[in-house]
C-alpha atoms as a PDB file:
ATOM      1  CA  UNK A   1     -63.236 -31.065 -20.010  1.00  0.00           C
ATOM      2  CA  UNK A   2     -59.722 -32.160 -19.093  1.00  0.00           C
ATOM      3  CA  UNK A   3     -56.187 -32.737 -20.280  1.00  0.00           C
ATOM      4  CA  UNK A   4     -55.221 -36.387 -19.925  1.00  0.00           C
ATOM      5  CA  UNK A   5     -51.484 -37.101 -19.816  1.00  0.00           C
ATOM      6  CA  UNK A   6     -51.417 -40.771 -20.747  1.00  0.00           C
ATOM      7  CA  UNK A   7     -48.407 -43.062 -20.717  1.00  0.00           C
ATOM      8  CA  UNK A   8     -48.603 -45.636 -23.506  1.00  0.00           C
ATOM      9  CA  UNK A   9     -45.683 -47.864 -22.500  1.00  0.00           C
ATOM     10  CA  UNK A  10     -42.455 -48.720 -24.238  1.00  0.00           C
ATOM     11  CA  UNK A  11     -43.087 -51.023 -27.176  1.00  0.00           C
ATOM     12  CA  UNK A  12     -46.299 -50.937 -29.209  1.00  0.00           C
ATOM     13  CA  UNK A  13     -49.998 -50.050 -29.271  1.00  0.00           C
ATOM     14  CA  UNK A  14     -50.855 -52.928 -26.904  1.00  0.00           C
ATOM     15  CA  UNK A  15     -48.906 -51.467 -23.979  1.00  0.00           C
ATOM     16  CA  UNK A  16     -51.486 -48.813 -23.112  1.00  0.00           C
ATOM     17  CA  UNK A  17     -53.459 -49.499 -19.925  1.00  0.00           C
ATOM     18  CA  UNK A  18     -57.199 -50.206 -20.072  1.00  0.00           C
ATOM     19  CA  UNK A  19     -57.846 -46.954 -18.220  1.00  0.00           C
ATOM     20  CA  UNK A  20     -55.684 -45.038 -20.649  1.00  0.00           C
ATOM     21  CA  UNK A  21     -57.411 -46.627 -23.640  1.00  0.00           C
ATOM     22  CA  UNK A  22     -60.866 -45.701 -22.319  1.00  0.00           C
ATOM     23  CA  UNK A  23     -59.794 -42.072 -21.922  1.00  0.00           C
ATOM     24  CA  UNK A  24     -58.264 -41.924 -25.408  1.00  0.00           C
ATOM     25  CA  UNK A  25     -61.435 -43.304 -26.954  1.00  0.00           C
ATOM     26  CA  UNK A  26     -63.626 -40.675 -25.299  1.00  0.00           C
ATOM     27  CA  UNK A  27     -61.270 -37.736 -25.975  1.00  0.00           C
ATOM     28  CA  UNK A  28     -62.085 -35.283 -28.737  1.00  0.00           C
ATOM     29  CA  UNK A  29     -58.430 -35.206 -29.827  1.00  0.00           C
ATOM     30  CA  UNK A  30     -55.355 -37.348 -29.222  1.00  0.00           C
ATOM     31  CA  UNK A  31     -51.825 -35.985 -29.516  1.00  0.00           C
ATOM     32  CA  UNK A  32     -48.709 -38.172 -29.504  1.00  0.00           C
ATOM     33  CA  UNK A  33     -45.513 -36.554 -28.243  1.00  0.00           C
ATOM     34  CA  UNK A  34     -43.109 -37.727 -30.932  1.00  0.00           C
ATOM     35  CA  UNK A  35     -39.627 -36.404 -30.189  1.00  0.00           C
ATOM     36  CA  UNK A  36     -38.319 -37.827 -26.905  1.00  0.00           C
ATOM     37  CA  UNK A  37     -38.731 -41.537 -27.595  1.00  0.00           C
ATOM     38  CA  UNK A  38     -39.666 -44.147 -30.196  1.00  0.00           C
ATOM     39  CA  UNK A  39     -42.343 -46.842 -30.395  1.00  0.00           C
ATOM     40  CA  UNK A  40     -41.875 -50.184 -32.160  1.00  0.00           C
ATOM     41  CA  UNK A  41     -45.151 -49.677 -34.007  1.00  0.00           C
ATOM     42  CA  UNK A  42     -46.636 -47.180 -36.460  1.00  0.00           C
ATOM     43  CA  UNK A  43     -49.081 -44.327 -35.976  1.00  0.00           C
ATOM     44  CA  UNK A  44     -51.545 -46.383 -38.046  1.00  0.00           C
ATOM     45  CA  UNK A  45     -51.339 -49.188 -35.460  1.00  0.00           C
ATOM     46  CA  UNK A  46     -52.264 -46.738 -32.713  1.00  0.00           C
ATOM     47  CA  UNK A  47     -55.131 -45.245 -34.705  1.00  0.00           C
ATOM     48  CA  UNK A  48     -56.573 -48.655 -35.507  1.00  0.00           C
ATOM     49  CA  UNK A  49     -56.753 -49.536 -31.806  1.00  0.00           C
ATOM     50  CA  UNK A  50     -57.901 -46.107 -30.622  1.00  0.00           C
ATOM     51  CA  UNK A  51     -60.488 -45.628 -33.351  1.00  0.00           C
ATOM     52  CA  UNK A  52     -59.419 -42.040 -33.981  1.00  0.00           C
ATOM     53  CA  UNK A  53     -56.736 -39.892 -35.580  1.00  0.00           C
ATOM     54  CA  UNK A  54     -53.486 -39.465 -33.668  1.00  0.00           C
ATOM     55  CA  UNK A  55     -51.846 -36.067 -34.156  1.00  0.00           C
ATOM     56  CA  UNK A  56     -48.049 -36.132 -33.990  1.00  0.00           C
ATOM     57  CA  UNK A  57     -46.827 -33.425 -31.624  1.00  0.00           C
ATOM     58  CA  UNK A  58     -43.237 -32.387 -32.337  1.00  0.00           C
ATOM     59  CA  UNK A  59     -41.030 -30.261 -30.083  1.00  0.00           C
ATOM     60  CA  UNK A  60     -42.222 -26.977 -31.601  1.00  0.00           C
ATOM     61  CA  UNK A  61     -45.875 -27.792 -30.987  1.00  0.00           C
ATOM     62  CA  UNK A  62     -45.356 -28.964 -27.403  1.00  0.00           C
ATOM     63  CA  UNK A  63     -42.892 -26.306 -26.278  1.00  0.00           C
ATOM     64  CA  UNK A  64     -43.853 -23.274 -28.392  1.00  0.00           C
ATOM     65  CA  UNK A  65     -47.518 -23.806 -29.219  1.00  0.00           C
ATOM     66  CA  UNK A  66     -48.747 -25.563 -26.088  1.00  0.00           C
ATOM     67  CA  UNK A  67     -51.496 -22.962 -25.712  1.00  0.00           C
ATOM     68  CA  UNK A  68     -53.254 -24.565 -28.677  1.00  0.00           C
ATOM     69  CA  UNK A  69     -53.511 -27.864 -26.791  1.00  0.00           C
ATOM     70  CA  UNK A  70     -54.535 -26.116 -23.562  1.00  0.00           C
ATOM     71  CA  UNK A  71     -57.213 -24.077 -25.338  1.00  0.00           C
ATOM     72  CA  UNK A  72     -58.747 -27.300 -26.640  1.00  0.00           C
ATOM     73  CA  UNK A  73     -58.532 -28.948 -23.213  1.00  0.00           C
ATOM     74  CA  UNK A  74     -60.417 -26.012 -21.687  1.00  0.00           C
ATOM     75  CA  UNK A  75     -63.505 -26.899 -23.689  1.00  0.00           C
ATOM     76  CA  UNK A  76     -63.184 -30.647 -24.394  1.00  0.00           C
ATOM     77  CA  UNK A  77     -61.323 -33.767 -23.331  1.00  0.00           C
ATOM     78  CA  UNK A  78     -57.842 -33.930 -24.875  1.00  0.00           C
ATOM     79  CA  UNK A  79     -55.480 -36.923 -24.641  1.00  0.00           C
ATOM     80  CA  UNK A  80     -51.759 -36.190 -24.689  1.00  0.00           C
ATOM     81  CA  UNK A  81     -49.962 -39.492 -25.257  1.00  0.00           C
ATOM     82  CA  UNK A  82     -46.416 -40.055 -24.045  1.00  0.00           C
ATOM     83  CA  UNK A  83     -44.202 -43.041 -24.791  1.00  0.00           C
ATOM     84  CA  UNK A  84     -43.262 -44.602 -21.470  1.00  0.00           C
ATOM     85  CA  UNK A  85     -44.568 -42.665 -18.471  1.00  0.00           C
ATOM     86  CA  UNK A  86     -45.848 -39.096 -18.911  1.00  0.00           C
ATOM     87  CA  UNK A  87     -44.001 -37.719 -15.894  1.00  0.00           C
ATOM     88  CA  UNK A  88     -40.540 -38.974 -16.857  1.00  0.00           C
ATOM     89  CA  UNK A  89     -39.669 -35.809 -18.813  1.00  0.00           C
ATOM     90  CA  UNK A  90     -39.721 -32.187 -17.616  1.00  0.00           C
ATOM     91  CA  UNK A  91     -41.500 -31.103 -20.806  1.00  0.00           C
ATOM     92  CA  UNK A  92     -44.624 -32.856 -19.645  1.00  0.00           C
ATOM     93  CA  UNK A  93     -44.345 -31.453 -16.129  1.00  0.00           C
ATOM     94  CA  UNK A  94     -44.262 -28.012 -17.738  1.00  0.00           C
ATOM     95  CA  UNK A  95     -47.413 -28.802 -19.736  1.00  0.00           C
ATOM     96  CA  UNK A  96     -49.154 -30.050 -16.594  1.00  0.00           C
ATOM     97  CA  UNK A  97     -48.175 -26.932 -14.643  1.00  0.00           C
ATOM     98  CA  UNK A  98     -49.349 -24.551 -17.359  1.00  0.00           C
ATOM     99  CA  UNK A  99     -52.668 -26.368 -17.630  1.00  0.00           C
ATOM    100  CA  UNK A 100     -53.281 -26.150 -13.868  1.00  0.00           C
ATOM    101  CA  UNK A 101     -52.404 -22.438 -13.865  1.00  0.00           C
ATOM    102  CA  UNK A 102     -55.101 -21.923 -16.523  1.00  0.00           C
ATOM    103  CA  UNK A 103     -57.664 -23.834 -14.502  1.00  0.00           C
ATOM    104  CA  UNK A 104     -57.670 -26.860 -16.815  1.00  0.00           C
ATOM    105  CA  UNK A 105     -58.288 -30.174 -15.068  1.00  0.00           C
ATOM    106  CA  UNK A 106     -55.310 -32.531 -15.522  1.00  0.00           C
ATOM    107  CA  UNK A 107     -55.338 -36.274 -15.015  1.00  0.00           C
ATOM    108  CA  UNK A 108     -52.213 -38.444 -15.272  1.00  0.00           C
ATOM    109  CA  UNK A 109     -52.312 -42.098 -16.323  1.00  0.00           C
ATOM    110  CA  UNK A 110     -49.011 -43.781 -15.572  1.00  0.00           C
ATOM    111  CA  UNK A 111     -47.309 -46.615 -17.454  1.00  0.00           C
ATOM    112  CA  UNK A 112     -44.011 -48.468 -17.683  1.00  0.00           C
ATOM    113  CA  UNK A 113     -40.914 -46.357 -18.289  1.00  0.00           C
ATOM    114  CA  UNK A 114     -37.286 -47.135 -19.033  1.00  0.00           C
ATOM    115  CA  UNK A 115     -36.539 -45.805 -15.534  1.00  0.00           C
ATOM    116  CA  UNK A 116     -38.165 -48.906 -14.053  1.00  0.00           C
ATOM    117  CA  UNK A 117     -37.936 -51.367 -16.937  1.00  0.00           C
ATOM    118  CA  UNK A 118     -34.128 -51.464 -16.575  1.00  0.00           C
ATOM    119  CA  UNK A 119     -34.751 -53.635 -13.531  1.00  0.00           C
ATOM    120  CA  UNK A 120     -34.931 -56.531 -16.007  1.00  0.00           C
ATOM    121  CA  UNK A 121     -31.118 -56.657 -16.074  1.00  0.00           C
ATOM    122  CA  UNK A 122     -31.067 -57.747 -12.424  1.00  0.00           C
ATOM    123  CA  UNK A 123     -29.751 -54.620 -10.703  1.00  0.00           C
ATOM    124  CA  UNK A 124     -31.668 -53.285  -7.701  1.00  0.00           C
ATOM    125  CA  UNK A 125     -33.596 -50.152  -8.642  1.00  0.00           C
ATOM    126  CA  UNK A 126     -33.030 -48.738  -5.156  1.00  0.00           C
ATOM    127  CA  UNK A 127     -29.309 -48.660  -5.891  1.00  0.00           C
ATOM    128  CA  UNK A 128     -29.478 -46.442  -8.961  1.00  0.00           C
ATOM    129  CA  UNK A 129     -28.148 -42.947  -8.474  1.00  0.00           C
ATOM    130  CA  UNK A 130     -28.738 -39.904 -10.648  1.00  0.00           C
ATOM    131  CA  UNK A 131     -29.759 -40.674 -14.240  1.00  0.00           C
ATOM    132  CA  UNK A 132     -27.854 -38.882 -16.988  1.00  0.00           C
ATOM    133  CA  UNK A 133     -28.157 -38.281 -20.724  1.00  0.00           C
ATOM    134  CA  UNK A 134     -25.412 -38.719 -23.309  1.00  0.00           C
ATOM    135  CA  UNK A 135     -25.770 -36.409 -26.304  1.00  0.00           C
ATOM    136  CA  UNK A 136     -24.315 -36.526 -29.784  1.00  0.00           C
ATOM    137  CA  UNK A 137     -21.101 -34.487 -30.066  1.00  0.00           C
ATOM    138  CA  UNK A 138     -21.424 -31.089 -31.711  1.00  0.00           C
ATOM    139  CA  UNK A 139     -18.767 -28.761 -33.001  1.00  0.00           C
ATOM    140  CA  UNK A 140     -17.790 -26.260 -30.304  1.00  0.00           C
ATOM    141  CA  UNK A 141     -19.822 -28.001 -27.616  1.00  0.00           C
ATOM    142  CA  UNK A 142     -17.851 -30.321 -25.335  1.00  0.00           C
ATOM    143  CA  UNK A 143     -20.381 -31.897 -22.978  1.00  0.00           C
ATOM    144  CA  UNK A 144     -18.861 -33.887 -20.114  1.00  0.00           C
ATOM    145  CA  UNK A 145     -21.642 -33.815 -17.521  1.00  0.00           C
ATOM    146  CA  UNK A 146     -22.514 -37.500 -18.078  1.00  0.00           C
ATOM    147  CA  UNK A 147     -18.956 -38.464 -17.106  1.00  0.00           C
ATOM    148  CA  UNK A 148     -19.309 -36.452 -13.888  1.00  0.00           C
ATOM    149  CA  UNK A 149     -22.589 -38.169 -13.029  1.00  0.00           C
ATOM    150  CA  UNK A 150     -21.004 -41.597 -13.514  1.00  0.00           C
ATOM    151  CA  UNK A 151     -18.069 -40.485 -11.368  1.00  0.00           C
ATOM    152  CA  UNK A 152     -20.318 -39.246  -8.542  1.00  0.00           C
ATOM    153  CA  UNK A 153     -22.498 -42.354  -8.565  1.00  0.00           C
ATOM    154  CA  UNK A 154     -19.529 -44.735  -8.590  1.00  0.00           C
ATOM    155  CA  UNK A 155     -18.008 -42.902  -5.623  1.00  0.00           C
ATOM    156  CA  UNK A 156     -21.196 -43.726  -3.704  1.00  0.00           C
ATOM    157  CA  UNK A 157     -21.391 -47.307  -4.997  1.00  0.00           C
ATOM    158  CA  UNK A 158     -24.490 -46.512  -7.053  1.00  0.00           C
ATOM    159  CA  UNK A 159     -25.520 -47.631 -10.546  1.00  0.00           C
ATOM    160  CA  UNK A 160     -25.894 -45.093 -13.370  1.00  0.00           C
ATOM    161  CA  UNK A 161     -28.540 -45.239 -16.083  1.00  0.00           C
ATOM    162  CA  UNK A 162     -27.445 -43.343 -19.197  1.00  0.00           C
ATOM    163  CA  UNK A 163     -30.227 -42.341 -21.576  1.00  0.00           C
ATOM    164  CA  UNK A 164     -28.942 -41.927 -25.126  1.00  0.00           C
ATOM    165  CA  UNK A 165     -29.570 -39.048 -27.497  1.00  0.00           C
ATOM    166  CA  UNK A 166     -32.363 -38.937 -30.055  1.00  0.00           C
ATOM    167  CA  UNK A 167     -32.381 -36.500 -32.951  1.00  0.00           C
ATOM    168  CA  UNK A 168     -35.757 -36.289 -34.670  1.00  0.00           C
ATOM    169  CA  UNK A 169     -36.844 -33.469 -36.994  1.00  0.00           C
ATOM    170  CA  UNK A 170     -33.616 -31.543 -36.455  1.00  0.00           C
ATOM    171  CA  UNK A 171     -33.210 -28.537 -38.819  1.00  0.00           C
ATOM    172  CA  UNK A 172     -30.323 -28.994 -41.256  1.00  0.00           C
ATOM    173  CA  UNK A 173     -27.335 -26.682 -40.851  1.00  0.00           C
ATOM    174  CA  UNK A 174     -27.655 -25.461 -44.438  1.00  0.00           C
ATOM    175  CA  UNK A 175     -31.263 -24.357 -44.023  1.00  0.00           C
ATOM    176  CA  UNK A 176     -30.385 -22.582 -40.767  1.00  0.00           C
ATOM    177  CA  UNK A 177     -27.405 -20.782 -42.309  1.00  0.00           C
ATOM    178  CA  UNK A 178     -29.161 -19.734 -45.493  1.00  0.00           C
ATOM    179  CA  UNK A 179     -32.462 -18.847 -43.875  1.00  0.00           C
ATOM    180  CA  UNK A 180     -34.180 -20.978 -46.481  1.00  0.00           C
ATOM    181  CA  UNK A 181     -37.290 -23.077 -46.052  1.00  0.00           C
ATOM    182  CA  UNK A 182     -36.634 -25.394 -43.166  1.00  0.00           C
ATOM    183  CA  UNK A 183     -35.213 -28.771 -44.110  1.00  0.00           C
ATOM    184  CA  UNK A 184     -34.573 -31.561 -41.659  1.00  0.00           C
ATOM    185  CA  UNK A 185     -31.757 -34.021 -41.121  1.00  0.00           C
ATOM    186  CA  UNK A 186     -32.371 -37.762 -41.088  1.00  0.00           C
ATOM    187  CA  UNK A 187     -33.392 -39.113 -37.680  1.00  0.00           C
ATOM    188  CA  UNK A 188     -30.503 -40.356 -35.545  1.00  0.00           C
ATOM    189  CA  UNK A 189     -30.517 -42.563 -32.464  1.00  0.00           C
ATOM    190  CA  UNK A 190     -27.370 -42.940 -30.368  1.00  0.00           C
ATOM    191  CA  UNK A 191     -26.076 -46.495 -29.951  1.00  0.00           C
ATOM    192  CA  UNK A 192     -24.514 -48.187 -26.947  1.00  0.00           C
ATOM    193  CA  UNK A 193     -21.235 -48.189 -28.855  1.00  0.00           C
ATOM    194  CA  UNK A 194     -21.329 -44.419 -29.372  1.00  0.00           C
ATOM    195  CA  UNK A 195     -22.165 -43.859 -25.709  1.00  0.00           C
ATOM    196  CA  UNK A 196     -19.178 -45.954 -24.622  1.00  0.00           C
ATOM    197  CA  UNK A 197     -16.964 -44.069 -27.070  1.00  0.00           C
ATOM    198  CA  UNK A 198     -18.114 -40.767 -25.573  1.00  0.00           C
ATOM    199  CA  UNK A 199     -17.211 -41.793 -22.023  1.00  0.00           C
ATOM    200  CA  UNK A 200     -13.865 -43.246 -23.106  1.00  0.00           C
ATOM    201  CA  UNK A 201     -13.067 -40.060 -25.010  1.00  0.00           C
ATOM    202  CA  UNK A 202     -13.607 -37.946 -21.897  1.00  0.00           C
ATOM    203  CA  UNK A 203     -11.566 -40.405 -19.827  1.00  0.00           C
ATOM    204  CA  UNK A 204      -8.689 -39.978 -22.281  1.00  0.00           C
ATOM    205  CA  UNK A 205      -8.834 -36.208 -21.810  1.00  0.00           C
ATOM    206  CA  UNK A 206      -9.168 -36.249 -18.025  1.00  0.00           C
ATOM    207  CA  UNK A 207      -7.361 -39.410 -16.970  1.00  0.00           C
ATOM    208  CA  UNK A 208      -9.344 -39.821 -13.742  1.00  0.00           C
ATOM    209  CA  UNK A 209      -9.748 -43.610 -14.014  1.00  0.00           C
ATOM    210  CA  UNK A 210     -13.536 -43.292 -13.854  1.00  0.00           C
ATOM    211  CA  UNK A 211     -14.420 -45.034 -17.120  1.00  0.00           C
ATOM    212  CA  UNK A 212     -11.717 -47.147 -18.739  1.00  0.00           C
ATOM    213  CA  UNK A 213     -11.577 -50.008 -21.236  1.00  0.00           C
ATOM    214  CA  UNK A 214     -12.065 -52.402 -18.298  1.00  0.00           C
ATOM    215  CA  UNK A 215     -15.093 -50.683 -16.729  1.00  0.00           C
ATOM    216  CA  UNK A 216     -18.053 -53.047 -16.383  1.00  0.00           C
ATOM    217  CA  UNK A 217     -21.044 -51.882 -18.442  1.00  0.00           C
ATOM    218  CA  UNK A 218     -24.437 -53.152 -19.484  1.00  0.00           C
ATOM    219  CA  UNK A 219     -25.754 -52.265 -22.918  1.00  0.00           C
ATOM    220  CA  UNK A 220     -29.518 -52.428 -23.437  1.00  0.00           C
ATOM    221  CA  UNK A 221     -31.606 -52.194 -26.576  1.00  0.00           C
ATOM    222  CA  UNK A 222     -35.397 -52.208 -27.012  1.00  0.00           C
ATOM    223  CA  UNK A 223     -36.113 -53.064 -23.378  1.00  0.00           C
ATOM    224  CA  UNK A 224     -39.410 -54.893 -23.040  1.00  0.00           C
ATOM    225  CA  UNK A 225     -39.625 -55.935 -26.694  1.00  0.00           C
ATOM    226  CA  UNK A 226     -39.535 -59.535 -27.911  1.00  0.00           C
ATOM    227  CA  UNK A 227     -36.156 -58.802 -29.528  1.00  0.00           C
ATOM    228  CA  UNK A 228     -34.715 -57.049 -26.473  1.00  0.00           C
ATOM    229  CA  UNK A 229     -30.925 -57.266 -26.343  1.00  0.00           C
ATOM    230  CA  UNK A 230     -28.917 -56.940 -23.137  1.00  0.00           C
ATOM    231  CA  UNK A 231     -25.180 -57.552 -22.874  1.00  0.00           C
ATOM    232  CA  UNK A 232     -22.804 -57.045 -19.960  1.00  0.00           C
ATOM    233  CA  UNK A 233     -19.058 -56.805 -20.324  1.00  0.00           C
ATOM    234  CA  UNK A 234     -16.164 -54.401 -20.233  1.00  0.00           C
ATOM    235  CA  UNK A 235     -16.388 -51.112 -22.094  1.00  0.00           C
ATOM    236  CA  UNK A 236     -13.926 -52.498 -24.630  1.00  0.00           C
ATOM    237  CA  UNK A 237     -16.092 -55.592 -25.188  1.00  0.00           C
ATOM    238  CA  UNK A 238     -19.294 -53.567 -25.633  1.00  0.00           C
ATOM    239  CA  UNK A 239     -17.609 -51.460 -28.308  1.00  0.00           C
ATOM    240  CA  UNK A 240     -17.483 -54.554 -30.517  1.00  0.00           C
ATOM    241  CA  UNK A 241     -21.089 -55.668 -29.983  1.00  0.00           C
ATOM    242  CA  UNK A 242     -24.035 -55.061 -32.309  1.00  0.00           C
ATOM    243  CA  UNK A 243     -27.171 -54.102 -30.394  1.00  0.00           C
ATOM    244  CA  UNK A 244     -29.420 -53.682 -33.415  1.00  0.00           C
ATOM    245  CA  UNK A 245     -32.031 -50.974 -33.843  1.00  0.00           C
ATOM    246  CA  UNK A 246     -33.088 -48.259 -31.374  1.00  0.00           C
ATOM    247  CA  UNK A 247     -33.706 -47.391 -28.632  1.00  0.00           C
ATOM    248  CA  UNK A 248     -30.489 -48.045 -26.691  1.00  0.00           C
ATOM    249  CA  UNK A 249     -29.390 -47.246 -23.149  1.00  0.00           C
ATOM    250  CA  UNK A 250     -26.221 -47.839 -21.141  1.00  0.00           C
ATOM    251  CA  UNK A 251     -25.826 -48.804 -17.505  1.00  0.00           C
ATOM    252  CA  UNK A 252     -22.620 -48.378 -15.508  1.00  0.00           C
ATOM    253  CA  UNK A 253     -23.007 -50.516 -12.368  1.00  0.00           C
ATOM    254  CA  UNK A 254     -21.744 -49.403  -8.995  1.00  0.00           C
ATOM    255  CA  UNK A 255     -20.987 -51.743  -6.109  1.00  0.00           C
ATOM    256  CA  UNK A 256     -22.657 -55.085  -6.806  1.00  0.00           C
ATOM    257  CA  UNK A 257     -24.483 -57.305  -4.315  1.00  0.00           C
ATOM    258  CA  UNK A 258     -23.735 -60.995  -4.872  1.00  0.00           C
ATOM    259  CA  UNK A 259     -27.294 -61.490  -6.156  1.00  0.00           C
ATOM    260  CA  UNK A 260     -26.712 -58.733  -8.715  1.00  0.00           C
ATOM    261  CA  UNK A 261     -23.451 -60.388  -9.760  1.00  0.00           C
ATOM    262  CA  UNK A 262     -25.325 -63.640 -10.347  1.00  0.00           C
ATOM    263  CA  UNK A 263     -28.007 -61.854 -12.370  1.00  0.00           C
ATOM    264  CA  UNK A 264     -25.449 -60.190 -14.654  1.00  0.00           C
ATOM    265  CA  UNK A 265     -23.930 -63.560 -15.554  1.00  0.00           C
ATOM    266  CA  UNK A 266     -27.018 -64.156 -17.722  1.00  0.00           C
ATOM    267  CA  UNK A 267     -26.028 -61.273 -19.971  1.00  0.00           C
ATOM    268  CA  UNK A 268     -22.330 -61.954 -20.500  1.00  0.00           C
END
């Protein structure tokens, strides 16, 4: 009896490790955390490979009804599948901690994550500073923390990885206001272009010369996939580029080593 936190990689059903696949096959139930990332394959593709049903676990189930999963793991093997690496999000650390407190055995199976896969662009992973998230703007909520992280990292010559917002199964404003049966907005995935616009908008307000039209950036889409798209250029240039479907991320490089400069030439 155990809870297995299993990373299934970044792209499709084939990215799971052999160890992870063996554990999924022997588990009594398999949950897929479905709100912090996106696979380039369907649930059916996963089920065909795993030979069992995959239960989609939304935010409410994972954060508000986690006891249900832990109760099952106390009496049988349960696989909790996470896109990327299972320990890249605090939600999963919370689940691990709660399981241990209840005496449930927890085993973690690691996999590739965007935090390491960004090395494909040619920047040294050791030279990345704090990672930040860029969220969709909301009325009455002016978030500028991502600008501050970029500012702090640049002051130290470090690169910044910006993870871009995902809105999946978000309650509609009308259903929240009216107290009606919950209805959900269409899924939204922030683009590189929107992320650049966000940083430029804050720069316009603050005028600190942290992120301008001429700031070097690297836009990434679907890292690790066969149709991966990576482009480096100024913020102004990236605004005009089409990166295709999700998921996107943005990198703001710090001080570049000459080898890093050479690597970035591939993506101009």
